[in-house]
PDB file of N, CA and C in Angstrom:
ATOM      1  N   MET A   1     153.055 105.789  54.867  1.00  0.00           N
ATOM      2  CA  MET A   1     151.972 104.847  54.636  1.00  0.00           C
ATOM      3  C   MET A   1     150.934 105.493  53.731  1.00  0.00           C
ATOM      4  N   ARG A   2     150.481 104.754  52.749  1.00  0.00           N
ATOM      5  CA  ARG A   2     149.482 105.285  51.831  1.00  0.00           C
ATOM      6  C   ARG A   2     148.097 105.181  52.457  1.00  0.00           C
ATOM      7  N   PRO A   3     147.213 106.130  52.194  1.00  0.00           N
ATOM      8  CA  PRO A   3     145.888 106.091  52.786  1.00  0.00           C
ATOM      9  C   PRO A   3     144.997 104.983  52.236  1.00  0.00           C
ATOM     10  N   SER A   4     145.281 104.481  51.037  1.00  0.00           N
ATOM     11  CA  SER A   4     144.453 103.401  50.497  1.00  0.00           C
ATOM     12  C   SER A   4     145.265 102.571  49.519  1.00  0.00           C
ATOM     13  N   ARG A   5     144.791 101.359  49.309  1.00  0.00           N
ATOM     14  CA  ARG A   5     145.385 100.458  48.326  1.00  0.00           C
ATOM     15  C   ARG A   5     144.292 100.002  47.392  1.00  0.00           C
ATOM     16  N   ARG A   6     144.654  99.736  46.162  1.00  0.00           N
ATOM     17  CA  ARG A   6     143.683  99.242  45.206  1.00  0.00           C
ATOM     18  C   ARG A   6     143.500  97.743  45.393  1.00  0.00           C
ATOM     19  N   ARG A   7     142.268  97.314  45.360  1.00  0.00           N
ATOM     20  CA  ARG A   7     141.966  95.887  45.405  1.00  0.00           C
ATOM     21  C   ARG A   7     141.683  95.406  43.994  1.00  0.00           C
ATOM     22  N   ARG A   8     141.756  94.099  43.807  1.00  0.00           N
ATOM     23  CA  ARG A   8     141.512  93.534  42.478  1.00  0.00           C
ATOM     24  C   ARG A   8     140.108  93.819  41.985  1.00  0.00           C
ATOM     25  N   ASN A   9     139.156  93.915  42.889  1.00  0.00           N
ATOM     26  CA  ASN A   9     137.776  94.147  42.463  1.00  0.00           C
ATOM     27  C   ASN A   9     137.524  95.621  42.139  1.00  0.00           C
ATOM     28  N   GLY A  10     138.554  96.437  42.201  1.00  0.00           N
ATOM     29  CA  GLY A  10     138.424  97.837  41.831  1.00  0.00           C
ATOM     30  C   GLY A  10     138.164  98.760  43.002  1.00  0.00           C
ATOM     31  N   GLY A  11     137.800  98.227  44.162  1.00  0.00           N
ATOM     32  CA  GLY A  11     137.542  99.064  45.323  1.00  0.00           C
ATOM     33  C   GLY A  11     138.838  99.436  46.012  1.00  0.00           C
ATOM     34  N   ALA A  12     138.738 100.350  46.928  1.00  0.00           N
ATOM     35  CA  ALA A  12     139.923 100.767  47.676  1.00  0.00           C
ATOM     36  C   ALA A  12     139.796 100.295  49.114  1.00  0.00           C
ATOM     37  N   LEU A  13     140.899  99.858  49.680  1.00  0.00           N
ATOM     38  CA  LEU A  13     140.949  99.491  51.087  1.00  0.00           C
ATOM     39  C   LEU A  13     141.405 100.728  51.838  1.00  0.00           C
ATOM     40  N   LYS A  14     140.531 101.272  52.646  1.00  0.00           N
ATOM     41  CA  LYS A  14     140.845 102.501  53.371  1.00  0.00           C
ATOM     42  C   LYS A  14     141.510 102.182  54.689  1.00  0.00           C
ATOM     43  N   VAL A  15     142.227 103.153  55.203  1.00  0.00           N
ATOM     44  CA  VAL A  15     142.903 102.978  56.486  1.00  0.00           C
ATOM     45  C   VAL A  15     141.891 102.611  57.567  1.00  0.00           C
ATOM     46  N   SER A  16     140.720 103.208  57.552  1.00  0.00           N
ATOM     47  CA  SER A  16     139.709 102.906  58.568  1.00  0.00           C
ATOM     48  C   SER A  16     139.244 101.459  58.471  1.00  0.00           C
ATOM     49  N   ASP A  17     139.260 100.865  57.264  1.00  0.00           N
ATOM     50  CA  ASP A  17     138.887  99.458  57.099  1.00  0.00           C
ATOM     51  C   ASP A  17     139.904  98.539  57.759  1.00  0.00           C
ATOM     52  N   ARG A  18     141.154  98.928  57.728  1.00  0.00           N
ATOM     53  CA  ARG A  18     142.191  98.100  58.332  1.00  0.00           C
ATOM     54  C   ARG A  18     141.941  97.907  59.819  1.00  0.00           C
ATOM     55  N   GLY A  19     141.459  98.933  60.491  1.00  0.00           N
ATOM     56  CA  GLY A  19     141.150  98.820  61.913  1.00  0.00           C
ATOM     57  C   GLY A  19     140.043  97.803  62.159  1.00  0.00           C
ATOM     58  N   LYS A  20     139.030  97.807  61.307  1.00  0.00           N
ATOM     59  CA  LYS A  20     137.938  96.847  61.432  1.00  0.00           C
ATOM     60  C   LYS A  20     138.448  95.432  61.203  1.00  0.00           C
ATOM     61  N   TRP A  21     139.263  95.260  60.177  1.00  0.00           N
ATOM     62  CA  TRP A  21     139.812  93.940  59.884  1.00  0.00           C
ATOM     63  C   TRP A  21     140.765  93.502  60.993  1.00  0.00           C
ATOM     64  N   GLY A  22     141.510  94.451  61.537  1.00  0.00           N
ATOM     65  CA  GLY A  22     142.429  94.127  62.626  1.00  0.00           C
ATOM     66  C   GLY A  22     141.684  93.591  63.837  1.00  0.00           C
ATOM     67  N   ALA A  23     140.533  94.203  64.143  1.00  0.00           N
ATOM     68  CA  ALA A  23     139.721  93.735  65.265  1.00  0.00           C
ATOM     69  C   ALA A  23     139.197  92.331  64.997  1.00  0.00           C
ATOM     70  N   LEU A  24     138.798  92.068  63.762  1.00  0.00           N
ATOM     71  CA  LEU A  24     138.309  90.740  63.393  1.00  0.00           C
ATOM     72  C   LEU A  24     139.426  89.706  63.500  1.00  0.00           C
ATOM     73  N   VAL A  25     140.610  90.075  63.054  1.00  0.00           N
ATOM     74  CA  VAL A  25     141.767  89.174  63.143  1.00  0.00           C
ATOM     75  C   VAL A  25     142.090  88.895  64.608  1.00  0.00           C
ATOM     76  N   ASP A  26     142.063  89.913  65.449  1.00  0.00           N
ATOM     77  CA  ASP A  26     142.328  89.730  66.879  1.00  0.00           C
ATOM     78  C   ASP A  26     141.308  88.786  67.514  1.00  0.00           C
ATOM     79  N   GLU A  27     140.039  88.981  67.177  1.00  0.00           N
ATOM     80  CA  GLU A  27     138.989  88.128  67.731  1.00  0.00           C
ATOM     81  C   GLU A  27     139.170  86.682  67.252  1.00  0.00           C
ATOM     82  N   THR A  28     139.537  86.514  66.004  1.00  0.00           N
ATOM     83  CA  THR A  28     139.775  85.177  65.455  1.00  0.00           C
ATOM     84  C   THR A  28     140.943  84.508  66.163  1.00  0.00           C
ATOM     85  N   ARG A  29     142.003  85.261  66.407  1.00  0.00           N
ATOM     86  CA  ARG A  29     143.160  84.704  67.123  1.00  0.00           C
ATOM     87  C   ARG A  29     142.780  84.239  68.521  1.00  0.00           C
ATOM     88  N   ARG A  30     141.966  85.044  69.206  1.00  0.00           N
ATOM     89  CA  ARG A  30     141.534  84.662  70.559  1.00  0.00           C
ATOM     90  C   ARG A  30     140.712  83.370  70.521  1.00  0.00           C
ATOM     91  N   ALA A  31     139.849  83.243  69.535  1.00  0.00           N
ATOM     92  CA  ALA A  31     139.032  82.033  69.412  1.00  0.00           C
ATOM     93  C   ALA A  31     139.903  80.812  69.135  1.00  0.00           C
ATOM     94  N   VAL A  32     140.868  80.958  68.243  1.00  0.00           N
ATOM     95  CA  VAL A  32     141.774  79.852  67.919  1.00  0.00           C
ATOM     96  C   VAL A  32     142.597  79.472  69.144  1.00  0.00           C
ATOM     97  N   ASP A  33     143.077  80.462  69.881  1.00  0.00           N
ATOM     98  CA  ASP A  33     143.852  80.181  71.090  1.00  0.00           C
ATOM     99  C   ASP A  33     143.014  79.407  72.110  1.00  0.00           C
ATOM    100  N   ALA A  34     141.759  79.798  72.284  1.00  0.00           N
ATOM    101  CA  ALA A  34     140.885  79.113  73.237  1.00  0.00           C
ATOM    102  C   ALA A  34     140.642  77.677  72.795  1.00  0.00           C
ATOM    103  N   LEU A  35     140.399  77.481  71.514  1.00  0.00           N
ATOM    104  CA  LEU A  35     140.192  76.127  71.006  1.00  0.00           C
ATOM    105  C   LEU A  35     141.465  75.301  71.133  1.00  0.00           C
ATOM    106  N   SER A  36     142.596  75.921  70.835  1.00  0.00           N
ATOM    107  CA  SER A  36     143.872  75.219  70.925  1.00  0.00           C
ATOM    108  C   SER A  36     144.153  74.781  72.356  1.00  0.00           C
ATOM    109  N   GLU A  37     143.820  75.642  73.311  1.00  0.00           N
ATOM    110  CA  GLU A  37     144.039  75.302  74.719  1.00  0.00           C
ATOM    111  C   GLU A  37     143.181  74.104  75.122  1.00  0.00           C
ATOM    112  N   GLY A  38     141.916  74.123  74.738  1.00  0.00           N
ATOM    113  CA  GLY A  38     141.030  73.002  75.043  1.00  0.00           C
ATOM    114  C   GLY A  38     141.500  71.724  74.382  1.00  0.00           C
ATOM    115  N   ARG A  39     141.970  71.834  73.155  1.00  0.00           N
ATOM    116  CA  ARG A  39     142.477  70.666  72.437  1.00  0.00           C
ATOM    117  C   ARG A  39     143.737  70.133  73.111  1.00  0.00           C
ATOM    118  N   SER A  40     144.611  71.027  73.525  1.00  0.00           N
ATOM    119  CA  SER A  40     145.844  70.616  74.207  1.00  0.00           C
ATOM    120  C   SER A  40     145.528  69.864  75.493  1.00  0.00           C
ATOM    121  N   LEU A  41     144.549  70.349  76.234  1.00  0.00           N
ATOM    122  CA  LEU A  41     144.154  69.673  77.470  1.00  0.00           C
ATOM    123  C   LEU A  41     143.624  68.272  77.174  1.00  0.00           C
ATOM    124  N   ARG A  42     142.805  68.145  76.129  1.00  0.00           N
ATOM    125  CA  ARG A  42     142.253  66.839  75.767  1.00  0.00           C
ATOM    126  C   ARG A  42     143.360  65.884  75.321  1.00  0.00           C
ATOM    127  N   ILE A  43     144.308  66.394  74.555  1.00  0.00           N
ATOM    128  CA  ILE A  43     145.430  65.567  74.105  1.00  0.00           C
ATOM    129  C   ILE A  43     146.229  65.068  75.311  1.00  0.00           C
ATOM    130  N   GLU A  44     146.448  65.934  76.274  1.00  0.00           N
ATOM    131  CA  GLU A  44     147.193  65.523  77.468  1.00  0.00           C
ATOM    132  C   GLU A  44     146.424  64.477  78.268  1.00  0.00           C
ATOM    133  N   GLU A  45     145.096  64.614  78.349  1.00  0.00           N
ATOM    134  CA  GLU A  45     144.279  63.607  79.025  1.00  0.00           C
ATOM    135  C   GLU A  45     144.426  62.243  78.345  1.00  0.00           C
ATOM    136  N   ILE A  46     144.399  62.249  77.020  1.00  0.00           N
ATOM    137  CA  ILE A  46     144.529  60.989  76.271  1.00  0.00           C
ATOM    138  C   ILE A  46     145.922  60.402  76.461  1.00  0.00           C
ATOM    139  N   ARG A  47     146.947  61.237  76.397  1.00  0.00           N
ATOM    140  CA  ARG A  47     148.317  60.759  76.620  1.00  0.00           C
ATOM    141  C   ARG A  47     148.453  60.101  77.986  1.00  0.00           C
ATOM    142  N   SER A  48     147.900  60.755  78.978  1.00  0.00           N
ATOM    143  CA  SER A  48     147.976  60.236  80.336  1.00  0.00           C
ATOM    144  C   SER A  48     147.256  58.899  80.443  1.00  0.00           C
ATOM    145  N   ALA A  49     146.076  58.807  79.852  1.00  0.00           N
ATOM    146  CA  ALA A  49     145.320  57.549  79.894  1.00  0.00           C
ATOM    147  C   ALA A  49     146.063  56.442  79.149  1.00  0.00           C
ATOM    148  N   LEU A  50     146.703  56.777  78.034  1.00  0.00           N
ATOM    149  CA  LEU A  50     147.497  55.784  77.303  1.00  0.00           C
ATOM    150  C   LEU A  50     148.667  55.305  78.152  1.00  0.00           C
ATOM    151  N   ARG A  51     149.326  56.241  78.807  1.00  0.00           N
ATOM    152  CA  ARG A  51     150.471  55.918  79.664  1.00  0.00           C
ATOM    153  C   ARG A  51     150.049  55.006  80.820  1.00  0.00           C
ATOM    154  N   ASP A  52     148.872  55.315  81.388  1.00  0.00           N
ATOM    155  CA  ASP A  52     148.374  54.550  82.540  1.00  0.00           C
ATOM    156  C   ASP A  52     147.688  53.245  82.142  1.00  0.00           C
ATOM    157  N   GLY A  53     147.443  53.086  80.850  1.00  0.00           N
ATOM    158  CA  GLY A  53     146.741  51.889  80.386  1.00  0.00           C
ATOM    159  C   GLY A  53     145.246  51.929  80.626  1.00  0.00           C
ATOM    160  N   THR A  54     144.707  53.133  80.823  1.00  0.00           N
ATOM    161  CA  THR A  54     143.278  53.264  81.105  1.00  0.00           C
ATOM    162  C   THR A  54     142.486  53.822  79.930  1.00  0.00           C
ATOM    163  N   TYR A  55     143.148  54.072  78.802  1.00  0.00           N
ATOM    164  CA  TYR A  55     142.449  54.620  77.637  1.00  0.00           C
ATOM    165  C   TYR A  55     141.611  53.528  76.984  1.00  0.00           C
ATOM    166  N   ARG A  56     140.340  53.812  76.810  1.00  0.00           N
ATOM    167  CA  ARG A  56     139.430  52.849  76.202  1.00  0.00           C
ATOM    168  C   ARG A  56     138.748  53.489  75.001  1.00  0.00           C
ATOM    169  N   VAL A  57     138.611  52.709  73.964  1.00  0.00           N
ATOM    170  CA  VAL A  57     137.933  53.172  72.756  1.00  0.00           C
ATOM    171  C   VAL A  57     136.553  52.545  72.724  1.00  0.00           C
ATOM    172  N   ASP A  58     135.545  53.369  72.501  1.00  0.00           N
ATOM    173  CA  ASP A  58     134.172  52.873  72.380  1.00  0.00           C
ATOM    174  C   ASP A  58     133.958  52.476  70.921  1.00  0.00           C
ATOM    175  N   GLY A  59     134.051  51.183  70.652  1.00  0.00           N
ATOM    176  CA  GLY A  59     133.938  50.675  69.284  1.00  0.00           C
ATOM    177  C   GLY A  59     132.646  51.064  68.605  1.00  0.00           C
ATOM    178  N   LYS A  60     131.564  51.098  69.366  1.00  0.00           N
ATOM    179  CA  LYS A  60     130.268  51.469  68.797  1.00  0.00           C
ATOM    180  C   LYS A  60     130.287  52.916  68.311  1.00  0.00           C
ATOM    181  N   ARG A  61     130.857  53.812  69.105  1.00  0.00           N
ATOM    182  CA  ARG A  61     130.943  55.224  68.688  1.00  0.00           C
ATOM    183  C   ARG A  61     131.811  55.376  67.454  1.00  0.00           C
ATOM    184  N   VAL A  62     132.920  54.640  67.415  1.00  0.00           N
ATOM    185  CA  VAL A  62     133.809  54.710  66.253  1.00  0.00           C
ATOM    186  C   VAL A  62     133.068  54.233  65.004  1.00  0.00           C
ATOM    187  N   ALA A  63     132.374  53.106  65.116  1.00  0.00           N
ATOM    188  CA  ALA A  63     131.636  52.560  63.977  1.00  0.00           C
ATOM    189  C   ALA A  63     130.539  53.520  63.518  1.00  0.00           C
ATOM    190  N   GLU A  64     129.800  54.095  64.471  1.00  0.00           N
ATOM    191  CA  GLU A  64     128.739  55.053  64.117  1.00  0.00           C
ATOM    192  C   GLU A  64     129.309  56.250  63.374  1.00  0.00           C
ATOM    193  N   LYS A  65     130.438  56.746  63.853  1.00  0.00           N
ATOM    194  CA  LYS A  65     131.069  57.902  63.206  1.00  0.00           C
ATOM    195  C   LYS A  65     131.545  57.548  61.802  1.00  0.00           C
ATOM    196  N   MET A  66     132.131  56.361  61.643  1.00  0.00           N
ATOM    197  CA  MET A  66     132.593  55.934  60.327  1.00  0.00           C
ATOM    198  C   MET A  66     131.431  55.835  59.343  1.00  0.00           C
ATOM    199  N   VAL A  67     130.325  55.254  59.786  1.00  0.00           N
ATOM    200  CA  VAL A  67     129.159  55.108  58.912  1.00  0.00           C
ATOM    201  C   VAL A  67     128.568  56.467  58.584  1.00  0.00           C
ATOM    202  N   SER A  68     128.409  57.332  59.586  1.00  0.00           N
ATOM    203  CA  SER A  68     127.819  58.645  59.323  1.00  0.00           C
ATOM    204  C   SER A  68     128.701  59.476  58.384  1.00  0.00           C
ATOM    205  N   ASP A  69     130.022  59.377  58.547  1.00  0.00           N
ATOM    206  CA  ASP A  69     130.932  60.088  57.638  1.00  0.00           C
ATOM    207  C   ASP A  69     130.815  59.550  56.212  1.00  0.00           C
ATOM    208  N   ALA A  70     130.725  58.226  56.080  1.00  0.00           N
ATOM    209  CA  ALA A  70     130.610  57.620  54.750  1.00  0.00           C
ATOM    210  C   ALA A  70     129.306  58.032  54.079  1.00  0.00           C
ATOM    211  N   VAL A  71     128.220  58.042  54.831  1.00  0.00           N
ATOM    212  CA  VAL A  71     126.925  58.441  54.284  1.00  0.00           C
ATOM    213  C   VAL A  71     126.977  59.908  53.851  1.00  0.00           C
ATOM    214  N   ARG A  72     127.554  60.759  54.688  1.00  0.00           N
ATOM    215  CA  ARG A  72     127.658  62.181  54.341  1.00  0.00           C
ATOM    216  C   ARG A  72     128.464  62.360  53.064  1.00  0.00           C
ATOM    217  N   GLU A  73     129.591  61.668  52.961  1.00  0.00           N
ATOM    218  CA  GLU A  73     130.430  61.781  51.766  1.00  0.00           C
ATOM    219  C   GLU A  73     129.693  61.305  50.524  1.00  0.00           C
ATOM    220  N   LEU A  74     128.910  60.244  50.646  1.00  0.00           N
ATOM    221  CA  LEU A  74     128.142  59.750  49.500  1.00  0.00           C
ATOM    222  C   LEU A  74     127.081  60.757  49.078  1.00  0.00           C
ATOM    223  N   ARG A  75     126.452  61.393  50.052  1.00  0.00           N
ATOM    224  CA  ARG A  75     125.428  62.401  49.745  1.00  0.00           C
ATOM    225  C   ARG A  75     126.026  63.642  49.092  1.00  0.00           C
ATOM    226  N   GLU A  76     127.247  63.991  49.466  1.00  0.00           N
ATOM    227  CA  GLU A  76     127.894  65.197  48.933  1.00  0.00           C
ATOM    228  C   GLU A  76     128.526  64.957  47.570  1.00  0.00           C
ATOM    229  N   ARG A  77     128.680  63.715  47.188  1.00  0.00           N
ATOM    230  CA  ARG A  77     129.318  63.363  45.926  1.00  0.00           C
ATOM    231  C   ARG A  77     128.477  63.859  44.754  1.00  0.00           C
ATOM    232  N   PRO A  78     129.126  64.510  43.786  1.00  0.00           N
ATOM    233  CA  PRO A  78     128.364  64.963  42.600  1.00  0.00           C
ATOM    234  C   PRO A  78     127.836  63.763  41.823  1.00  0.00           C
ATOM    235  N   ARG A  79     126.662  63.924  41.274  1.00  0.00           N
ATOM    236  CA  ARG A  79     126.039  62.821  40.523  1.00  0.00           C
ATOM    237  C   ARG A  79     126.287  62.965  39.057  1.00  0.00           C
TER     238      ARG A  79
END
């Protein structure tokens, strides 16, 4: 294993930097796993409600979200 690699910006990636990046990657993976687990639970709740016929959509919330998204997109549009 080489002690360093050249980066495009001219700097060198040192072996000690890899450990720091590895820790960041590990922490990111843990965060994604936690979010994925919560999302999976929510998806299962929705599936169950659909199966049972108890899933209800709040039309007002959907409409508010659609309008707020449209307004945000219009504001972000280059002029």
